[in-house]
Protein backbone atom coordinates (compact mmCIF):
# COMPACT_ATOMS: atom_id res chain seq x y z
CA MET A 1 44.51 32.22 57.31
CA ALA A 2 42.03 32.89 54.91
CA GLU A 3 40.43 29.91 52.74
CA ILE A 4 41.58 30.64 48.98
CA THR A 5 38.58 30.63 46.31
CA LYS A 6 39.45 29.42 43.39
CA ILE A 7 38.09 30.89 40.08
CA GLY A 8 37.87 29.30 36.60
CA ILE A 9 37.73 31.78 33.52
CA VAL A 10 36.52 30.35 30.11
CA GLY A 11 37.49 32.34 27.53
CA TRP A 12 40.39 35.17 27.67
CA GLY A 13 39.43 37.88 25.41
CA VAL A 14 38.13 41.49 26.57
CA VAL A 15 35.62 40.31 28.90
CA GLY A 16 37.44 36.93 30.30
CA ARG A 17 40.44 39.02 30.90
CA ALA A 18 38.70 41.89 32.82
CA VAL A 19 37.01 39.31 35.26
CA GLY A 20 39.84 37.09 35.73
CA GLU A 21 42.54 40.09 36.39
CA GLY A 22 39.66 41.49 38.33
CA PHE A 23 38.66 39.05 40.63
CA ALA A 24 42.41 38.19 40.93
CA LYS A 25 42.89 41.63 42.97
CA ASN A 26 41.44 40.09 46.05
CA LYS A 27 44.27 38.29 47.17
CA GLU A 28 42.10 35.90 48.60
CA ASN A 29 41.05 34.77 45.06
CA GLU A 30 42.93 32.11 43.16
CA VAL A 31 42.24 32.57 38.96
CA MET A 32 42.90 30.05 36.37
CA TRP A 33 41.62 30.41 33.24
CA TYR A 34 41.82 28.45 29.39
CA SER A 35 40.86 29.26 26.13
CA ARG A 36 40.68 27.86 22.77
CA THR A 37 43.96 29.42 21.58
CA LYS A 38 46.19 29.27 24.86
CA GLY A 39 46.62 29.21 28.81
CA PRO A 40 48.85 28.10 31.40
CA TRP A 41 46.11 25.46 32.57
CA SER A 42 43.94 22.94 30.62
CA PRO A 43 40.60 22.80 30.52
CA GLU A 44 40.26 19.98 33.02
CA GLU A 45 42.55 21.43 35.26
CA VAL A 46 40.36 24.61 35.76
CA ILE A 47 37.19 22.75 35.87
CA LYS A 48 38.61 20.29 38.26
CA GLU A 49 40.37 23.03 40.53
CA SER A 50 37.42 25.83 40.22
CA GLU A 51 34.65 26.10 42.69
CA PHE A 52 33.36 29.59 40.64
CA LEU A 53 33.49 28.84 36.79
CA PHE A 54 32.96 32.00 34.48
CA ILE A 55 32.09 31.60 31.02
CA CYS A 56 33.34 34.71 28.66
CA VAL A 57 33.03 33.12 25.45
CA PRO A 58 32.10 35.45 22.33
CA THR A 59 28.42 35.40 21.03
CA PRO A 60 28.97 36.37 17.58
CA MET A 61 25.87 37.82 15.17
CA PHE A 62 26.01 35.65 11.72
CA ASP A 63 27.36 37.68 8.70
CA ASP A 64 23.70 37.83 7.12
CA TYR A 65 22.41 39.78 10.29
CA SER A 66 19.84 37.05 10.55
CA GLY A 67 20.67 36.88 14.63
CA ILE A 68 23.02 35.50 17.17
CA ASP A 69 25.31 32.46 17.05
CA LEU A 70 25.40 30.56 20.38
CA SER A 71 27.49 27.48 18.95
CA ILE A 72 30.44 28.74 21.08
CA VAL A 73 28.51 28.75 24.22
CA ASN A 74 27.02 25.49 23.47
CA GLU A 75 30.13 23.80 22.81
CA VAL A 76 31.69 25.50 26.41
CA VAL A 77 28.90 24.28 28.26
CA ASN A 78 27.98 21.08 27.02
CA PHE A 79 31.87 20.28 27.81
CA ILE A 80 31.72 21.52 31.16
CA ALA A 81 28.15 20.54 32.78
CA PRO A 82 28.58 16.81 32.80
CA LYS A 83 31.70 17.41 34.63
CA ILE A 84 30.61 19.13 37.05
CA SER A 85 26.85 17.72 37.90
CA GLY A 86 26.06 17.20 41.11
CA SER A 87 28.88 18.99 42.44
CA ASP A 88 28.78 22.47 44.44
CA LYS A 89 30.37 23.90 41.45
CA ILE A 90 28.69 27.15 39.88
CA LEU A 91 28.89 27.64 36.70
CA THR A 92 28.28 31.47 35.36
CA ILE A 93 27.36 32.51 32.09
CA LYS A 94 28.80 36.31 31.16
CA SER A 95 28.82 36.10 27.69
CA THR A 96 25.61 37.59 25.95
CA ILE A 97 23.11 35.57 25.26
CA ILE A 98 19.35 35.47 24.14
CA PRO A 99 16.42 35.26 27.12
CA GLY A 100 15.93 31.86 27.80
CA THR A 101 19.04 30.18 27.11
CA THR A 102 20.56 29.70 30.81
CA ALA A 103 16.86 28.51 31.69
CA ALA A 104 17.44 25.77 28.73
CA PHE A 105 20.86 24.89 29.94
CA ALA A 106 19.52 24.52 33.56
CA GLU A 107 16.70 22.17 32.26
CA LYS A 108 18.99 20.01 30.38
CA TYR A 109 21.43 19.71 33.02
CA PRO A 110 19.09 20.09 36.61
CA LYS A 111 22.19 19.05 38.79
CA VAL A 112 24.18 21.98 37.67
CA ASN A 113 24.42 25.10 39.53
CA PHE A 114 23.66 27.32 36.75
CA ALA A 115 23.91 31.38 37.00
CA MET A 116 23.78 34.43 34.65
CA ASN A 117 25.81 37.35 35.46
CA PRO A 118 26.02 40.07 32.51
CA GLU A 119 28.96 42.45 32.06
CA PHE A 120 28.75 45.98 31.20
CA LEU A 121 31.82 46.56 30.13
CA THR A 122 33.27 48.81 27.47
CA GLU A 123 36.12 47.78 25.23
CA ALA A 124 38.21 50.47 26.28
CA ASN A 125 38.20 50.66 29.76
CA ALA A 126 37.15 47.04 30.59
CA PRO A 127 39.43 46.28 33.44
CA TRP A 128 38.43 49.66 35.29
CA ASP A 129 34.71 48.71 34.55
CA PHE A 130 34.67 45.49 36.02
CA LEU A 131 36.12 46.85 39.36
CA HIS A 132 33.80 49.88 39.27
CA PRO A 133 30.45 48.72 38.22
CA ASP A 134 27.29 50.82 38.16
CA ARG A 135 25.32 47.73 39.06
CA THR A 136 26.14 43.96 39.47
CA VAL A 137 23.37 41.82 38.08
CA ILE A 138 22.97 37.95 39.30
CA GLY A 139 20.23 36.04 37.50
CA THR A 140 20.15 32.23 39.26
CA LEU A 141 17.37 29.60 39.85
CA SER A 142 18.84 28.73 43.85
CA GLN A 143 19.32 31.10 46.90
CA PRO A 144 22.16 29.56 47.86
CA VAL A 145 23.74 30.08 44.56
CA ALA A 146 22.75 33.68 44.43
CA GLY A 147 24.30 34.00 47.94
CA ARG A 148 27.54 32.58 47.14
CA LEU A 149 27.79 34.86 44.00
CA THR A 150 26.91 37.75 45.72
CA GLY A 151 29.34 37.13 48.65
CA LEU A 152 32.28 36.54 45.92
CA TYR A 153 31.39 40.15 44.54
CA ARG A 154 30.94 41.83 47.91
CA ASP A 155 34.49 40.34 48.90
CA LEU A 156 35.90 41.99 46.03
CA LEU A 157 33.58 45.33 45.35
CA GLY A 158 33.02 46.09 48.91
CA ALA A 159 29.85 46.09 51.09
CA ASP A 160 28.04 48.95 49.59
CA SER A 161 28.32 47.82 45.90
CA LYS A 162 24.98 47.79 44.12
CA ILE A 163 23.93 43.94 43.41
CA PHE A 164 20.54 43.13 41.81
CA LEU A 165 19.47 39.09 42.23
CA THR A 166 17.18 37.94 39.84
CA ASP A 167 15.91 35.18 37.62
CA PRO A 168 18.45 34.16 34.73
CA THR A 169 16.15 34.91 32.01
CA THR A 170 15.60 38.87 33.67
CA ALA A 171 19.44 38.98 33.80
CA GLU A 172 19.50 38.19 30.34
CA MET A 173 17.27 40.65 29.00
CA VAL A 174 18.83 43.52 31.15
CA LYS A 175 21.66 43.10 28.83
CA TYR A 176 19.82 43.36 26.02
CA MET A 177 17.49 45.94 26.72
CA SER A 178 20.54 48.25 27.95
CA ASN A 179 22.49 47.80 25.36
CA ALA A 180 19.47 48.39 22.46
CA CYS A 181 18.72 51.48 24.51
CA LEU A 182 21.97 52.96 24.30
CA ALA A 183 22.28 52.33 20.59
CA SER A 184 18.91 54.04 19.96
CA LYS A 185 20.22 57.02 21.87
CA VAL A 186 23.01 56.92 19.44
CA ILE A 187 20.94 56.96 16.10
CA PHE A 188 18.63 59.61 17.88
CA ALA A 189 21.57 61.70 18.70
CA ASN A 190 22.72 61.30 14.94
CA GLU A 191 19.44 62.35 13.94
CA MET A 192 19.55 65.66 16.00
CA PHE A 193 22.66 66.40 14.55
CA ASP A 194 21.28 66.46 11.00
CA LEU A 195 18.49 68.61 11.88
CA CYS A 196 20.79 70.90 13.82
CA THR A 197 22.85 71.38 10.49
CA ALA A 198 20.06 72.13 8.67
CA LEU A 199 18.65 74.87 10.98
CA GLY A 200 22.58 76.34 10.95
CA VAL A 201 23.05 75.64 14.88
CA LYS A 202 25.79 74.03 17.04
CA TYR A 203 25.13 70.60 18.04
CA GLU A 204 27.56 70.60 20.25
CA GLU A 205 25.69 73.49 22.22
CA VAL A 206 22.46 71.99 21.93
CA LYS A 207 23.60 68.68 23.10
CA GLU A 208 25.23 70.23 26.29
CA LEU A 209 22.30 71.67 27.07
CA VAL A 210 19.96 69.09 26.52
CA ALA A 211 22.55 67.24 28.63
CA ALA A 212 22.47 69.03 31.74
CA ASP A 213 19.10 67.29 32.38
CA PRO A 214 20.12 64.67 34.72
CA ARG A 215 17.11 62.02 32.99
CA ILE A 216 18.85 62.24 29.99
CA GLY A 217 22.65 62.84 30.88
CA PRO A 218 25.69 63.18 27.92
CA HIS A 219 26.47 59.39 27.30
CA HIS A 220 25.56 58.23 23.97
CA LEU A 221 24.65 61.70 22.45
CA ASP A 222 28.00 62.09 20.80
CA VAL A 223 28.34 62.05 17.06
CA THR A 224 31.49 60.68 15.03
CA THR A 225 32.70 61.44 11.52
CA VAL A 226 31.85 57.70 10.66
CA ARG A 227 27.96 58.25 12.22
CA GLY A 228 25.94 55.57 13.75
CA PHE A 229 27.10 53.01 16.30
CA GLY A 230 29.47 50.02 15.57
CA GLY A 231 31.96 48.45 17.63
CA LYS A 232 31.52 44.68 18.64
CA CYS A 233 28.30 44.88 21.24
CA PHE A 234 25.74 47.33 19.95
CA PRO A 235 25.43 46.14 16.10
CA LYS A 236 25.39 42.12 17.06
CA ASP A 237 23.07 42.52 20.22
CA VAL A 238 20.66 44.25 18.18
CA VAL A 239 20.63 42.04 15.89
CA ALA A 240 20.10 39.42 18.34
CA LEU A 241 17.16 41.19 19.84
CA LEU A 242 15.25 41.59 16.58
CA ALA A 243 15.57 37.88 15.80
CA TYR A 244 14.57 36.97 19.17
CA ALA A 245 11.33 39.47 18.95
CA LYS A 246 10.70 38.03 15.43
CA GLU A 247 10.89 34.56 17.01
CA LYS A 248 8.61 35.59 19.38
CA ASN A 249 6.19 37.35 17.14
CA VAL A 250 6.54 40.43 18.95
CA ASP A 251 6.54 43.74 17.12
CA MET A 252 10.20 45.56 17.42
CA SER A 253 9.63 48.09 14.52
CA VAL A 254 11.17 50.84 16.49
CA LEU A 255 14.25 49.05 17.24
CA ASN A 256 14.46 47.64 13.48
CA GLU A 257 14.17 51.21 12.24
CA VAL A 258 17.03 51.99 14.58
CA TRP A 259 19.37 49.39 13.16
CA LYS A 260 18.01 50.19 9.40
CA LYS A 261 19.14 53.91 10.04
CA ASN A 262 22.45 52.78 11.54
CA LEU A 263 23.28 50.42 8.29
CA LYS A 264 22.34 53.61 6.11
CA ILE A 265 24.46 56.63 7.78
CA ARG A 266 27.01 53.95 9.17
CA LYS A 267 30.27 54.88 6.65
CA VAL A 268 32.48 51.88 8.14
CA LYS A 269 30.94 48.73 9.48
CA ASP A 270 33.78 47.95 11.49
CA TRP A 271 31.97 45.31 13.35
CA GLU A 272 32.76 43.13 10.21
CA GLU A 273 36.33 43.29 10.89
CA ILE A 274 36.16 42.56 14.92
CA LYS A 275 36.75 38.95 15.83
CA GLY A 276 34.22 37.56 17.72
CA ALA A 277 31.51 39.79 16.36
CA VAL A 278 30.23 38.05 13.14
CA ASN A 279 30.39 34.24 12.53
CA GLY A 280 29.38 32.73 9.20
CA LYS A 281 26.05 32.50 7.73
CA LYS A 282 22.60 30.45 9.88
CA LYS A 283 22.82 26.89 8.93
């Protein structure tokens, strides 16, 4: 009989549930979880029993759009890390965090096996997306940790699953660049829609013929009645990346214009009502 792999999930929202229920599809995995509000196991039980721990908690933006609030991730890491320091447990962050965050945690807790493993889920199809990823990105500072996480995913997704191994900061940046690129594509599509309307031609036909180019494709070219991009991830990730770039004195004028244009044309700022997307003002 195969040995059971015990996996702990911290946070049971869209991402946490998709990850936990996804790993549980492999009968050789046993999944435990806890969150702030509920859970059949206590935090101490999950931490003690799990070989792999995945942090899947919110990283909201501040309500004045000045950046990202990492307080929940910080709280969770500071709670778990001292308890597993010196052990062979792996603490993997799936929450979207600004580049350099995992490396800073690793410096603070040098005897903890950290990893950054961003998730590329859609809220509408999160469980399916987790089990059918176009790629899995694993960022670690240790080859043995990378190997163990790779094995965990291969056992679930199959030997042919596309897995990329890198460092944590690169993995963090991959998530932000991906979402910023798609958000920019949405705004570009909205501008092309307006131009097509002014020309008196059908945007849907133009879109179909443009999307036939495999370099472009059809994704994120739809223009909705509420315009622009909304939801939980794109707004908060664009805001976080802009704030981080400003801190690093990097000119992000293109992405800044994308965000400004979105605020101008978006009729419903739905992210302001979504739990875990927005927090209070920066202190």
